[in-house]
């Protein structure tokens, strides 16, 4: 049987896309989701619950999209390299990118949780100022006596 030639290593553009693109998207998704949680002060104003702000929606969904784009980018680059007859497993960029992709599951779960909290019901249960209506009104929760 004739032995097949060894596949050529992937080009520099593939290595840059794998080494920088995949971890960059994971990091970008985590940062955007943390920023969405940082805008949580937008939900209350003068003891009235307004719900999540537009900034929270934009940053939350952008973080989730960036987190989901990381495995898609890795799969596209990997399949493209295989289709062109290159061996992506021989690259020094593919191994760390795959490890970061596996570790990127935790930030991806956080990003999904941030988007879930955008659509969660009012945490105060419908009462203004997080359920402190009795204390702010000068009355205790139970009548004295």
N, C-alpha and C. Protein backbone atom coordinates (compact mmCIF):
# COMPACT_ATOMS: atom_id res chain seq x y z
N UNK A 1 0.82 -1.17 0.00
CA UNK A 1 0.00 0.00 0.00
C UNK A 1 0.87 1.24 0.00
N UNK A 2 0.43 2.22 -0.74
CA UNK A 2 1.18 3.48 -0.80
C UNK A 2 0.87 4.32 0.44
N UNK A 3 1.93 4.87 0.99
CA UNK A 3 1.74 5.69 2.18
C UNK A 3 1.40 7.12 1.76
N UNK A 4 0.39 7.68 2.42
CA UNK A 4 -0.03 9.05 2.12
C UNK A 4 0.99 10.03 2.68
N UNK A 5 1.19 11.13 1.99
CA UNK A 5 2.14 12.13 2.52
C UNK A 5 1.56 12.79 3.77
N UNK A 6 2.46 13.23 4.63
CA UNK A 6 2.02 13.92 5.85
C UNK A 6 1.33 15.22 5.46
N UNK A 7 0.23 15.52 6.15
CA UNK A 7 -0.45 16.77 5.83
C UNK A 7 0.40 17.96 6.24
N UNK A 8 0.26 19.02 5.48
CA UNK A 8 1.01 20.24 5.75
C UNK A 8 0.43 20.95 6.97
N UNK A 9 1.27 21.65 7.71
CA UNK A 9 0.73 22.41 8.85
C UNK A 9 -0.15 23.56 8.35
N UNK A 10 -1.09 23.99 9.17
CA UNK A 10 -1.97 25.07 8.74
C UNK A 10 -1.23 26.39 8.60
N UNK A 11 -1.76 27.29 7.79
CA UNK A 11 -1.08 28.57 7.58
C UNK A 11 -1.18 29.48 8.81
N UNK A 12 -0.48 30.60 8.75
CA UNK A 12 -0.45 31.52 9.88
C UNK A 12 -1.81 32.14 10.15
N UNK A 13 -2.61 32.36 9.13
CA UNK A 13 -3.94 32.95 9.35
C UNK A 13 -4.82 32.00 10.16
N UNK A 14 -4.71 30.70 9.91
CA UNK A 14 -5.48 29.73 10.69
C UNK A 14 -5.00 29.72 12.13
N UNK A 15 -3.68 29.76 12.33
CA UNK A 15 -3.15 29.75 13.69
C UNK A 15 -3.56 31.00 14.46
N UNK A 16 -3.55 32.16 13.79
CA UNK A 16 -3.99 33.39 14.46
C UNK A 16 -5.47 33.32 14.81
N UNK A 17 -6.27 32.83 13.89
CA UNK A 17 -7.71 32.73 14.15
C UNK A 17 -8.02 31.79 15.29
N UNK A 18 -7.28 30.72 15.38
CA UNK A 18 -7.51 29.75 16.46
C UNK A 18 -6.92 30.24 17.77
N UNK A 19 -5.70 30.76 17.71
CA UNK A 19 -5.02 31.15 18.94
C UNK A 19 -5.59 32.42 19.54
N UNK A 20 -6.06 33.33 18.71
CA UNK A 20 -6.57 34.60 19.23
C UNK A 20 -8.08 34.72 19.16
N UNK A 21 -8.69 34.17 18.13
CA UNK A 21 -10.13 34.34 17.94
C UNK A 21 -10.97 33.59 18.95
N UNK A 22 -10.66 32.33 19.17
CA UNK A 22 -11.48 31.51 20.08
C UNK A 22 -11.36 32.01 21.52
N UNK A 23 -10.16 32.16 22.08
CA UNK A 23 -10.09 32.70 23.45
C UNK A 23 -10.61 34.13 23.55
N UNK A 24 -10.41 34.92 22.49
CA UNK A 24 -10.90 36.29 22.49
C UNK A 24 -12.41 36.36 22.58
N UNK A 25 -13.09 35.47 21.84
CA UNK A 25 -14.56 35.45 21.91
C UNK A 25 -15.05 34.98 23.27
N UNK A 26 -14.36 34.02 23.87
CA UNK A 26 -14.73 33.56 25.21
C UNK A 26 -14.58 34.69 26.22
N UNK A 27 -13.47 35.40 26.15
CA UNK A 27 -13.22 36.51 27.07
C UNK A 27 -14.20 37.66 26.82
N UNK A 28 -14.48 37.97 25.57
CA UNK A 28 -15.42 39.04 25.23
C UNK A 28 -16.81 38.72 25.76
N UNK A 29 -17.25 37.48 25.61
CA UNK A 29 -18.56 37.08 26.11
C UNK A 29 -18.66 37.22 27.62
N UNK A 30 -17.61 36.82 28.33
CA UNK A 30 -17.63 36.94 29.79
C UNK A 30 -17.64 38.40 30.23
N UNK A 31 -16.84 39.24 29.57
CA UNK A 31 -16.79 40.66 29.93
C UNK A 31 -18.13 41.33 29.66
N UNK A 32 -18.74 41.05 28.54
CA UNK A 32 -20.03 41.66 28.22
C UNK A 32 -21.12 41.22 29.20
N UNK A 33 -21.09 39.98 29.64
CA UNK A 33 -22.08 39.51 30.60
C UNK A 33 -21.87 40.13 31.97
N UNK A 34 -20.63 40.33 32.37
CA UNK A 34 -20.35 41.01 33.64
C UNK A 34 -20.82 42.46 33.56
N UNK A 35 -20.61 43.10 32.42
CA UNK A 35 -21.10 44.47 32.24
C UNK A 35 -22.61 44.53 32.31
N UNK A 36 -23.29 43.53 31.78
CA UNK A 36 -24.75 43.50 31.87
C UNK A 36 -25.19 43.40 33.31
N UNK A 37 -24.50 42.62 34.10
CA UNK A 37 -24.84 42.52 35.52
C UNK A 37 -24.47 43.79 36.27
N UNK A 38 -23.48 44.53 35.78
CA UNK A 38 -23.09 45.77 36.43
C UNK A 38 -24.15 46.86 36.26
N UNK A 39 -25.00 46.75 35.27
CA UNK A 39 -26.05 47.74 35.05
C UNK A 39 -27.33 47.38 35.80
N UNK A 40 -27.24 46.56 36.82
CA UNK A 40 -28.44 46.15 37.54
C UNK A 40 -29.08 47.29 38.32
N UNK A 41 -28.36 48.38 38.52
CA UNK A 41 -28.93 49.54 39.20
C UNK A 41 -29.98 50.25 38.34
N UNK A 42 -30.05 49.91 37.07
CA UNK A 42 -31.03 50.53 36.18
C UNK A 42 -32.44 50.02 36.42
N UNK A 43 -32.61 48.97 37.18
CA UNK A 43 -33.92 48.35 37.32
C UNK A 43 -34.84 49.10 38.27
N UNK A 44 -34.29 49.78 39.27
CA UNK A 44 -35.10 50.51 40.24
C UNK A 44 -34.80 52.00 40.14
N UNK A 45 -35.84 52.83 40.24
CA UNK A 45 -35.67 54.28 40.28
C UNK A 45 -36.77 54.84 41.16
N UNK A 46 -36.41 55.52 42.21
CA UNK A 46 -37.37 56.09 43.17
C UNK A 46 -38.33 55.02 43.68
N UNK A 47 -37.79 53.89 44.04
CA UNK A 47 -38.54 52.76 44.61
C UNK A 47 -39.60 52.21 43.66
N UNK A 48 -39.38 52.29 42.39
CA UNK A 48 -40.27 51.69 41.40
C UNK A 48 -39.44 50.76 40.53
N UNK A 49 -39.94 49.58 40.32
CA UNK A 49 -39.24 48.58 39.50
C UNK A 49 -39.61 48.81 38.04
N UNK A 50 -38.61 49.09 37.22
CA UNK A 50 -38.83 49.32 35.80
C UNK A 50 -38.44 48.13 34.94
N UNK A 51 -37.86 47.13 35.51
CA UNK A 51 -37.41 45.99 34.73
C UNK A 51 -36.01 46.22 34.19
N UNK A 52 -35.45 45.23 33.52
CA UNK A 52 -34.10 45.37 32.97
C UNK A 52 -34.05 46.45 31.91
N UNK A 53 -32.97 47.19 31.90
CA UNK A 53 -32.81 48.28 30.95
C UNK A 53 -32.36 47.75 29.59
N UNK A 54 -32.39 48.62 28.61
CA UNK A 54 -31.94 48.24 27.27
C UNK A 54 -30.45 47.89 27.28
N UNK A 55 -29.68 48.60 28.10
CA UNK A 55 -28.25 48.29 28.20
C UNK A 55 -28.04 46.87 28.70
N UNK A 56 -28.85 46.46 29.68
CA UNK A 56 -28.72 45.10 30.20
C UNK A 56 -29.06 44.07 29.13
N UNK A 57 -30.08 44.34 28.33
CA UNK A 57 -30.45 43.41 27.26
C UNK A 57 -29.36 43.34 26.20
N UNK A 58 -28.84 44.49 25.79
CA UNK A 58 -27.83 44.50 24.73
C UNK A 58 -26.57 43.76 25.18
N UNK A 59 -26.06 44.10 26.37
CA UNK A 59 -24.83 43.46 26.83
C UNK A 59 -25.04 41.99 27.17
N UNK A 60 -26.19 41.64 27.72
CA UNK A 60 -26.46 40.23 28.04
C UNK A 60 -26.52 39.36 26.80
N UNK A 61 -27.30 39.81 25.80
CA UNK A 61 -27.41 39.02 24.58
C UNK A 61 -26.12 39.02 23.77
N UNK A 62 -25.40 40.15 23.77
CA UNK A 62 -24.11 40.19 23.05
C UNK A 62 -23.10 39.25 23.70
N UNK A 63 -23.10 39.17 25.03
CA UNK A 63 -22.20 38.24 25.72
C UNK A 63 -22.51 36.80 25.39
N UNK A 64 -23.81 36.46 25.36
CA UNK A 64 -24.19 35.09 25.03
C UNK A 64 -23.84 34.76 23.58
N UNK A 65 -24.07 35.69 22.68
CA UNK A 65 -23.73 35.45 21.26
C UNK A 65 -22.22 35.28 21.07
N UNK A 66 -21.42 36.09 21.77
CA UNK A 66 -19.97 35.95 21.66
C UNK A 66 -19.51 34.62 22.25
N UNK A 67 -20.12 34.22 23.36
CA UNK A 67 -19.76 32.94 23.96
C UNK A 67 -20.13 31.76 23.08
N UNK A 68 -21.26 31.86 22.38
CA UNK A 68 -21.66 30.79 21.48
C UNK A 68 -20.88 30.81 20.17
N UNK A 69 -20.34 31.97 19.81
CA UNK A 69 -19.58 32.07 18.57
C UNK A 69 -18.20 31.41 18.68
N UNK A 70 -17.67 31.28 19.90
CA UNK A 70 -16.34 30.69 20.07
C UNK A 70 -16.28 29.24 19.59
N UNK A 71 -17.19 28.34 20.02
CA UNK A 71 -17.10 26.97 19.49
C UNK A 71 -17.42 26.89 18.01
N UNK A 72 -18.27 27.79 17.53
CA UNK A 72 -18.58 27.80 16.10
C UNK A 72 -17.34 28.17 15.30
N UNK A 73 -16.61 29.20 15.76
CA UNK A 73 -15.38 29.61 15.07
C UNK A 73 -14.35 28.48 15.09
N UNK A 74 -14.20 27.80 16.23
CA UNK A 74 -13.25 26.70 16.30
C UNK A 74 -13.63 25.58 15.33
N UNK A 75 -14.92 25.25 15.29
CA UNK A 75 -15.36 24.18 14.39
C UNK A 75 -15.16 24.56 12.93
N UNK A 76 -15.45 25.81 12.59
CA UNK A 76 -15.28 26.25 11.19
C UNK A 76 -13.80 26.22 10.80
N UNK A 77 -12.94 26.72 11.66
CA UNK A 77 -11.50 26.70 11.36
C UNK A 77 -10.97 25.27 11.29
N UNK A 78 -11.42 24.42 12.19
CA UNK A 78 -10.95 23.03 12.20
C UNK A 78 -11.40 22.29 10.94
N UNK A 79 -12.68 22.42 10.59
CA UNK A 79 -13.17 21.73 9.39
C UNK A 79 -12.55 22.31 8.13
N UNK A 80 -12.34 23.62 8.11
CA UNK A 80 -11.70 24.23 6.94
C UNK A 80 -10.28 23.74 6.74
N UNK A 81 -9.55 23.57 7.85
CA UNK A 81 -8.18 23.06 7.74
C UNK A 81 -8.18 21.62 7.28
N UNK A 82 -9.11 20.80 7.79
CA UNK A 82 -9.18 19.40 7.34
C UNK A 82 -9.59 19.31 5.88
N UNK A 83 -10.50 20.17 5.46
CA UNK A 83 -10.96 20.14 4.08
C UNK A 83 -9.84 20.49 3.11
N UNK A 84 -8.92 21.34 3.54
CA UNK A 84 -7.80 21.72 2.68
C UNK A 84 -6.61 20.78 2.80
N UNK A 85 -6.77 19.70 3.56
CA UNK A 85 -5.71 18.71 3.68
C UNK A 85 -4.65 19.07 4.69
N UNK A 86 -4.95 19.94 5.60
CA UNK A 86 -3.98 20.32 6.62
C UNK A 86 -4.29 19.59 7.91
N UNK A 87 -3.31 19.52 8.78
CA UNK A 87 -3.49 18.83 10.06
C UNK A 87 -3.55 19.85 11.18
N UNK A 88 -4.75 20.25 11.61
CA UNK A 88 -4.83 21.26 12.67
C UNK A 88 -4.37 20.73 14.02
N UNK A 89 -4.37 19.43 14.21
CA UNK A 89 -3.94 18.87 15.49
C UNK A 89 -2.43 19.06 15.70
N UNK A 90 -1.69 19.27 14.64
CA UNK A 90 -0.26 19.45 14.77
C UNK A 90 0.12 20.88 15.16
N UNK A 91 -0.83 21.77 15.17
CA UNK A 91 -0.56 23.17 15.44
C UNK A 91 -0.48 23.43 16.95
N UNK A 92 0.39 24.34 17.33
CA UNK A 92 0.49 24.72 18.73
C UNK A 92 -0.68 25.61 19.14
N UNK A 93 -1.41 26.17 18.19
CA UNK A 93 -2.54 27.04 18.50
C UNK A 93 -3.81 26.25 18.78
N UNK A 94 -3.93 25.09 18.19
CA UNK A 94 -5.17 24.33 18.31
C UNK A 94 -5.35 23.72 19.70
N UNK A 95 -4.29 23.25 20.31
CA UNK A 95 -4.39 22.63 21.62
C UNK A 95 -4.85 23.58 22.71
N UNK A 96 -4.17 24.73 22.89
CA UNK A 96 -4.64 25.68 23.91
C UNK A 96 -6.03 26.23 23.61
N UNK A 97 -6.35 26.42 22.34
CA UNK A 97 -7.69 26.91 21.99
C UNK A 97 -8.75 25.89 22.37
N UNK A 98 -8.45 24.62 22.18
CA UNK A 98 -9.41 23.58 22.56
C UNK A 98 -9.56 23.50 24.08
N UNK A 99 -8.46 23.64 24.80
CA UNK A 99 -8.53 23.63 26.27
C UNK A 99 -9.35 24.82 26.77
N UNK A 100 -9.10 26.00 26.20
CA UNK A 100 -9.87 27.18 26.61
C UNK A 100 -11.33 27.06 26.20
N UNK A 101 -11.58 26.37 25.11
CA UNK A 101 -12.96 26.16 24.68
C UNK A 101 -13.70 25.27 25.67
N UNK A 102 -13.03 24.25 26.18
CA UNK A 102 -13.65 23.37 27.17
C UNK A 102 -13.85 24.14 28.48
N UNK A 103 -12.85 24.92 28.88
CA UNK A 103 -12.99 25.73 30.09
C UNK A 103 -13.99 26.86 29.90
N UNK A 104 -14.26 27.24 28.66
CA UNK A 104 -15.21 28.30 28.36
C UNK A 104 -16.65 27.90 28.56
N UNK A 105 -16.90 26.66 28.96
CA UNK A 105 -18.27 26.23 29.24
C UNK A 105 -18.79 26.96 30.48
N UNK A 106 -17.94 27.20 31.47
CA UNK A 106 -18.37 27.90 32.68
C UNK A 106 -18.80 29.34 32.38
N UNK A 107 -18.01 30.13 31.64
CA UNK A 107 -18.51 31.46 31.29
C UNK A 107 -19.77 31.40 30.43
N UNK A 108 -19.89 30.37 29.60
CA UNK A 108 -21.09 30.23 28.77
C UNK A 108 -22.32 29.98 29.63
N UNK A 109 -22.18 29.20 30.68
CA UNK A 109 -23.30 29.00 31.61
C UNK A 109 -23.66 30.30 32.33
N UNK A 110 -22.65 31.08 32.70
CA UNK A 110 -22.91 32.38 33.32
C UNK A 110 -23.63 33.32 32.35
N UNK A 111 -23.21 33.31 31.09
CA UNK A 111 -23.86 34.16 30.09
C UNK A 111 -25.31 33.75 29.89
N UNK A 112 -25.58 32.46 29.89
CA UNK A 112 -26.97 32.00 29.77
C UNK A 112 -27.77 32.39 31.00
N UNK A 113 -27.16 32.35 32.18
CA UNK A 113 -27.85 32.76 33.40
C UNK A 113 -28.17 34.25 33.36
N UNK A 114 -27.25 35.07 32.84
CA UNK A 114 -27.49 36.51 32.75
C UNK A 114 -28.68 36.78 31.84
N UNK A 115 -28.77 36.09 30.71
CA UNK A 115 -29.91 36.28 29.81
C UNK A 115 -31.19 35.77 30.47
N UNK A 116 -31.11 34.70 31.23
CA UNK A 116 -32.29 34.20 31.92
C UNK A 116 -32.79 35.21 32.93
N UNK A 117 -31.87 35.88 33.65
CA UNK A 117 -32.29 36.86 34.64
C UNK A 117 -32.97 38.07 34.01
N UNK A 118 -32.70 38.34 32.74
CA UNK A 118 -33.37 39.45 32.07
C UNK A 118 -34.87 39.22 31.97
N UNK A 119 -35.28 37.98 31.89
CA UNK A 119 -36.69 37.66 31.71
C UNK A 119 -37.32 37.04 32.97
N UNK A 120 -36.60 37.04 34.07
CA UNK A 120 -37.13 36.53 35.33
C UNK A 120 -38.16 37.52 35.87
N UNK A 121 -39.11 37.06 36.65
CA UNK A 121 -40.09 37.98 37.20
C UNK A 121 -39.47 38.97 38.20
N UNK A 122 -40.24 39.97 38.56
CA UNK A 122 -39.80 41.00 39.49
C UNK A 122 -39.35 40.34 40.80
N UNK A 123 -38.10 40.57 41.22
CA UNK A 123 -37.62 39.92 42.43
C UNK A 123 -38.32 40.44 43.69
N UNK A 124 -38.94 41.60 43.62
CA UNK A 124 -39.62 42.16 44.79
C UNK A 124 -41.02 41.59 44.95
N UNK A 125 -41.47 40.81 44.03
CA UNK A 125 -42.79 40.23 44.12
C UNK A 125 -43.90 41.23 43.86
N UNK A 126 -43.60 42.31 43.16
CA UNK A 126 -44.60 43.30 42.83
C UNK A 126 -44.65 44.47 43.78
N UNK A 127 -43.94 44.40 44.89
CA UNK A 127 -43.91 45.52 45.84
C UNK A 127 -42.70 46.38 45.53
N UNK A 128 -42.87 47.67 45.66
CA UNK A 128 -41.76 48.58 45.38
C UNK A 128 -40.69 48.48 46.46
N UNK A 129 -39.51 48.89 46.12
CA UNK A 129 -38.33 48.88 47.00
C UNK A 129 -38.08 47.51 47.61
N UNK A 130 -38.14 46.51 46.81
CA UNK A 130 -37.83 45.13 47.19
C UNK A 130 -38.66 44.65 48.37
N UNK A 131 -39.94 44.94 48.36
CA UNK A 131 -40.83 44.44 49.39
C UNK A 131 -40.79 45.19 50.70
N UNK A 132 -40.23 46.39 50.72
CA UNK A 132 -40.14 47.17 51.95
C UNK A 132 -41.26 48.19 52.06
N UNK A 133 -42.41 47.93 51.47
CA UNK A 133 -43.51 48.89 51.48
C UNK A 133 -43.99 49.18 52.90
N UNK A 134 -44.02 48.18 53.77
CA UNK A 134 -44.48 48.40 55.14
C UNK A 134 -43.49 49.26 55.92
N UNK A 135 -42.21 48.95 55.79
CA UNK A 135 -41.21 49.70 56.55
C UNK A 135 -41.12 51.15 56.08
N UNK A 136 -41.25 51.38 54.80
CA UNK A 136 -41.17 52.74 54.28
C UNK A 136 -42.44 53.53 54.60
N UNK A 137 -43.55 52.86 54.79
CA UNK A 137 -44.81 53.52 55.11
C UNK A 137 -44.94 53.84 56.59
N UNK A 138 -44.00 53.48 57.39
CA UNK A 138 -44.03 53.77 58.81
C UNK A 138 -44.74 52.69 59.60
N UNK A 139 -45.22 51.67 58.96
CA UNK A 139 -45.89 50.58 59.66
C UNK A 139 -45.00 49.34 59.63
N UNK A 140 -45.09 48.58 60.64
CA UNK A 140 -44.36 47.30 60.66
C UNK A 140 -45.15 46.27 59.89
N UNK A 141 -44.58 45.12 59.66
CA UNK A 141 -45.31 44.09 58.91
C UNK A 141 -46.48 43.50 59.68
N UNK A 142 -46.49 43.60 61.01
CA UNK A 142 -47.57 43.05 61.83
C UNK A 142 -48.07 44.15 62.78
N UNK A 143 -49.36 44.18 63.07
CA UNK A 143 -49.85 45.19 64.01
C UNK A 143 -49.34 44.92 65.42
N UNK A 144 -49.06 45.99 66.14
CA UNK A 144 -48.55 45.85 67.52
C UNK A 144 -49.70 45.46 68.45
N UNK A 145 -49.38 44.72 69.41
CA UNK A 145 -50.40 44.48 70.40
C UNK A 145 -50.62 43.10 70.68
